[in-house]
């Protein structure tokens, strides 16, 4: 996603566009891969003195909840990246070495059996972690 697309999506959902949020949008638009909350905090701290880690993390969570950022859990912690271009419901194959991410449009929830009748699933995540063909060598 481009920075202006991220900013527009935030604005359309009623988020006030501050300089800090504009900088966040630009950071994720320029980033090729995943960014940890700590890295975002360190980058943002160079421009915005007095910025707290809690503020950065809260904004990342809000942007994720809005669908602007995607959140992934790696062995070394949570990382974020700009939403991929696949607009339909989809999941990801993620290389553990180079972090290359391949979207695929398939949902295992269609195959899940045995959920209790009194449970209504409203959200789920499904990623497959492994090694891309380049990193298998």
C-alpha atoms as a PDB file:
ATOM      1  CA  UNK A   1       0.000   0.000   0.000  1.00  0.00           C
ATOM      2  CA  UNK A   2       1.082   3.546  -0.673  1.00  0.00           C
ATOM      3  CA  UNK A   3       1.255   6.047   2.177  1.00  0.00           C
ATOM      4  CA  UNK A   4      -1.675   8.036   0.793  1.00  0.00           C
ATOM      5  CA  UNK A   5      -3.804   4.861   0.617  1.00  0.00           C
ATOM      6  CA  UNK A   6      -3.023   4.118   4.262  1.00  0.00           C
ATOM      7  CA  UNK A   7      -3.807   7.706   5.256  1.00  0.00           C
ATOM      8  CA  UNK A   8      -7.044   7.679   3.258  1.00  0.00           C
ATOM      9  CA  UNK A   9      -8.137   4.398   4.870  1.00  0.00           C
ATOM     10  CA  UNK A  10      -7.444   5.814   8.339  1.00  0.00           C
ATOM     11  CA  UNK A  11      -9.302   9.025   7.521  1.00  0.00           C
ATOM     12  CA  UNK A  12     -12.310   7.163   6.109  1.00  0.00           C
ATOM     13  CA  UNK A  13     -12.615   5.277   9.390  1.00  0.00           C
ATOM     14  CA  UNK A  14     -12.622   8.490  11.398  1.00  0.00           C
ATOM     15  CA  UNK A  15      -9.016   8.457  12.578  1.00  0.00           C
ATOM     16  CA  UNK A  16      -7.500  11.906  13.029  1.00  0.00           C
ATOM     17  CA  UNK A  17      -4.454  12.210  10.776  1.00  0.00           C
ATOM     18  CA  UNK A  18      -1.637  13.608  12.889  1.00  0.00           C
ATOM     19  CA  UNK A  19       1.976  14.110  11.803  1.00  0.00           C
ATOM     20  CA  UNK A  20       2.908  10.992  13.753  1.00  0.00           C
ATOM     21  CA  UNK A  21       0.273   8.872  11.988  1.00  0.00           C
ATOM     22  CA  UNK A  22       1.321  10.277   8.620  1.00  0.00           C
ATOM     23  CA  UNK A  23       4.907   9.271   9.452  1.00  0.00           C
ATOM     24  CA  UNK A  24       3.690   5.785  10.437  1.00  0.00           C
ATOM     25  CA  UNK A  25       1.888   5.463   7.104  1.00  0.00           C
ATOM     26  CA  UNK A  26       5.011   6.510   5.219  1.00  0.00           C
ATOM     27  CA  UNK A  27       7.170   4.101   7.231  1.00  0.00           C
ATOM     28  CA  UNK A  28       4.966   1.111   6.384  1.00  0.00           C
ATOM     29  CA  UNK A  29       4.500   2.163   2.769  1.00  0.00           C
ATOM     30  CA  UNK A  30       8.285   2.224   2.297  1.00  0.00           C
ATOM     31  CA  UNK A  31       8.973  -0.973   4.222  1.00  0.00           C
ATOM     32  CA  UNK A  32       9.440  -4.100   2.099  1.00  0.00           C
ATOM     33  CA  UNK A  33       8.879  -6.516   4.963  1.00  0.00           C
ATOM     34  CA  UNK A  34       7.832  -6.751   8.549  1.00  0.00           C
ATOM     35  CA  UNK A  35       8.555  -4.199  11.251  1.00  0.00           C
ATOM     36  CA  UNK A  36       8.590  -4.848  14.989  1.00  0.00           C
ATOM     37  CA  UNK A  37       6.869  -2.410  17.339  1.00  0.00           C
ATOM     38  CA  UNK A  38      10.297  -1.734  18.920  1.00  0.00           C
ATOM     39  CA  UNK A  39      11.788  -0.805  15.520  1.00  0.00           C
ATOM     40  CA  UNK A  40       8.844   1.513  14.821  1.00  0.00           C
ATOM     41  CA  UNK A  41       9.344   3.129  18.230  1.00  0.00           C
ATOM     42  CA  UNK A  42      13.072   3.637  17.596  1.00  0.00           C
ATOM     43  CA  UNK A  43      12.502   5.116  14.125  1.00  0.00           C
ATOM     44  CA  UNK A  44       9.676   7.380  15.288  1.00  0.00           C
ATOM     45  CA  UNK A  45      11.625   8.442  18.393  1.00  0.00           C
ATOM     46  CA  UNK A  46      14.286  10.060  16.205  1.00  0.00           C
ATOM     47  CA  UNK A  47      11.712  12.525  14.888  1.00  0.00           C
ATOM     48  CA  UNK A  48       9.282  12.777  17.790  1.00  0.00           C
ATOM     49  CA  UNK A  49      11.076  13.248  21.109  1.00  0.00           C
ATOM     50  CA  UNK A  50       9.045  12.197  24.122  1.00  0.00           C
ATOM     51  CA  UNK A  51       7.035   9.641  22.157  1.00  0.00           C
ATOM     52  CA  UNK A  52       6.147   6.648  24.321  1.00  0.00           C
ATOM     53  CA  UNK A  53       6.298   3.013  23.291  1.00  0.00           C
ATOM     54  CA  UNK A  54       2.688   2.625  24.474  1.00  0.00           C
ATOM     55  CA  UNK A  55       1.545   5.330  22.039  1.00  0.00           C
ATOM     56  CA  UNK A  56       3.345   3.654  19.154  1.00  0.00           C
ATOM     57  CA  UNK A  57       1.974   0.222  20.024  1.00  0.00           C
ATOM     58  CA  UNK A  58      -1.569   1.564  20.508  1.00  0.00           C
ATOM     59  CA  UNK A  59      -1.447   3.166  17.041  1.00  0.00           C
ATOM     60  CA  UNK A  60      -0.158  -0.073  15.495  1.00  0.00           C
ATOM     61  CA  UNK A  61      -3.041  -2.001  17.109  1.00  0.00           C
ATOM     62  CA  UNK A  62      -5.593   0.576  15.927  1.00  0.00           C
ATOM     63  CA  UNK A  63      -4.198   0.466  12.385  1.00  0.00           C
ATOM     64  CA  UNK A  64      -4.317  -3.337  12.494  1.00  0.00           C
ATOM     65  CA  UNK A  65      -7.912  -3.362  13.765  1.00  0.00           C
ATOM     66  CA  UNK A  66      -8.834  -0.995  10.922  1.00  0.00           C
ATOM     67  CA  UNK A  67      -7.332  -3.383   8.369  1.00  0.00           C
ATOM     68  CA  UNK A  68      -4.545  -0.995   7.334  1.00  0.00           C
ATOM     69  CA  UNK A  69      -1.771  -3.145   8.814  1.00  0.00           C
ATOM     70  CA  UNK A  70      -1.413  -6.906   9.027  1.00  0.00           C
ATOM     71  CA  UNK A  71      -0.019  -8.448  12.197  1.00  0.00           C
ATOM     72  CA  UNK A  72       1.983 -11.662  12.281  1.00  0.00           C
ATOM     73  CA  UNK A  73       3.408 -13.659  15.159  1.00  0.00           C
ATOM     74  CA  UNK A  74       6.962 -14.876  14.621  1.00  0.00           C
ATOM     75  CA  UNK A  75       9.133 -16.833  17.024  1.00  0.00           C
ATOM     76  CA  UNK A  76      10.869 -13.582  17.990  1.00  0.00           C
ATOM     77  CA  UNK A  77       7.625 -11.669  18.543  1.00  0.00           C
ATOM     78  CA  UNK A  78       4.863  -9.718  16.847  1.00  0.00           C
ATOM     79  CA  UNK A  79       5.602  -7.864  13.625  1.00  0.00           C
ATOM     80  CA  UNK A  80       3.492  -5.608  11.430  1.00  0.00           C
ATOM     81  CA  UNK A  81       3.432  -4.709   7.765  1.00  0.00           C
ATOM     82  CA  UNK A  82       1.159  -2.783   5.421  1.00  0.00           C
ATOM     83  CA  UNK A  83      -1.856  -4.740   4.238  1.00  0.00           C
ATOM     84  CA  UNK A  84      -1.084  -6.747   1.127  1.00  0.00           C
ATOM     85  CA  UNK A  85      -2.839  -6.045  -2.145  1.00  0.00           C
ATOM     86  CA  UNK A  86      -5.045  -9.154  -1.991  1.00  0.00           C
ATOM     87  CA  UNK A  87      -8.474  -7.741  -1.177  1.00  0.00           C
ATOM     88  CA  UNK A  88     -10.483 -10.960  -0.827  1.00  0.00           C
ATOM     89  CA  UNK A  89     -10.323 -13.035   2.341  1.00  0.00           C
ATOM     90  CA  UNK A  90      -6.986 -14.810   2.270  1.00  0.00           C
ATOM     91  CA  UNK A  91      -4.139 -16.232   4.325  1.00  0.00           C
ATOM     92  CA  UNK A  92      -0.347 -16.351   3.962  1.00  0.00           C
ATOM     93  CA  UNK A  93       2.636 -18.612   3.455  1.00  0.00           C
ATOM     94  CA  UNK A  94       5.599 -17.037   5.290  1.00  0.00           C
ATOM     95  CA  UNK A  95       9.266 -17.943   4.936  1.00  0.00           C
ATOM     96  CA  UNK A  96      10.936 -18.185   8.335  1.00  0.00           C
ATOM     97  CA  UNK A  97      14.316 -17.198   6.925  1.00  0.00           C
ATOM     98  CA  UNK A  98      13.769 -14.316   4.485  1.00  0.00           C
ATOM     99  CA  UNK A  99      10.189 -13.477   5.590  1.00  0.00           C
ATOM    100  CA  UNK A 100       8.947 -13.591   1.996  1.00  0.00           C
ATOM    101  CA  UNK A 101       5.161 -13.692   2.195  1.00  0.00           C
ATOM    102  CA  UNK A 102       2.885 -15.280  -0.349  1.00  0.00           C
ATOM    103  CA  UNK A 103      -0.863 -14.670  -0.081  1.00  0.00           C
ATOM    104  CA  UNK A 104      -3.143 -17.536  -0.959  1.00  0.00           C
ATOM    105  CA  UNK A 105      -6.912 -17.455  -1.290  1.00  0.00           C
ATOM    106  CA  UNK A 106      -8.008 -20.496   0.659  1.00  0.00           C
ATOM    107  CA  UNK A 107      -9.694 -20.622   4.016  1.00  0.00           C
ATOM    108  CA  UNK A 108      -9.474 -23.700   6.229  1.00  0.00           C
ATOM    109  CA  UNK A 109     -12.466 -22.483   8.248  1.00  0.00           C
ATOM    110  CA  UNK A 110     -14.672 -23.889   5.495  1.00  0.00           C
ATOM    111  CA  UNK A 111     -13.357 -27.337   6.446  1.00  0.00           C
ATOM    112  CA  UNK A 112     -13.436 -26.994  10.254  1.00  0.00           C
ATOM    113  CA  UNK A 113     -15.762 -29.469  11.896  1.00  0.00           C
ATOM    114  CA  UNK A 114     -16.660 -29.922  15.522  1.00  0.00           C
ATOM    115  CA  UNK A 115     -17.149 -26.331  16.659  1.00  0.00           C
ATOM    116  CA  UNK A 116     -19.722 -26.271  19.460  1.00  0.00           C
ATOM    117  CA  UNK A 117     -23.169 -25.139  18.338  1.00  0.00           C
ATOM    118  CA  UNK A 118     -23.142 -22.419  20.999  1.00  0.00           C
ATOM    119  CA  UNK A 119     -19.948 -20.824  19.617  1.00  0.00           C
ATOM    120  CA  UNK A 120     -20.043 -18.293  16.809  1.00  0.00           C
ATOM    121  CA  UNK A 121     -16.647 -17.694  15.160  1.00  0.00           C
ATOM    122  CA  UNK A 122     -16.324 -14.080  13.984  1.00  0.00           C
ATOM    123  CA  UNK A 123     -12.592 -13.809  13.297  1.00  0.00           C
ATOM    124  CA  UNK A 124      -9.666 -16.128  12.703  1.00  0.00           C
ATOM    125  CA  UNK A 125      -6.033 -16.204  11.559  1.00  0.00           C
ATOM    126  CA  UNK A 126      -4.223 -18.869   9.613  1.00  0.00           C
ATOM    127  CA  UNK A 127      -0.640 -18.637   8.420  1.00  0.00           C
ATOM    128  CA  UNK A 128       1.695 -21.363   7.284  1.00  0.00           C
ATOM    129  CA  UNK A 129       5.343 -20.892   8.235  1.00  0.00           C
ATOM    130  CA  UNK A 130       8.117 -22.689   6.363  1.00  0.00           C
ATOM    131  CA  UNK A 131      10.914 -22.040   3.860  1.00  0.00           C
ATOM    132  CA  UNK A 132      10.576 -20.626   0.351  1.00  0.00           C
ATOM    133  CA  UNK A 133      12.344 -22.417  -2.502  1.00  0.00           C
ATOM    134  CA  UNK A 134      15.287 -19.961  -2.389  1.00  0.00           C
ATOM    135  CA  UNK A 135      15.888 -20.503   1.336  1.00  0.00           C
ATOM    136  CA  UNK A 136      15.619 -24.286   1.112  1.00  0.00           C
ATOM    137  CA  UNK A 137      18.928 -24.396  -0.770  1.00  0.00           C
END
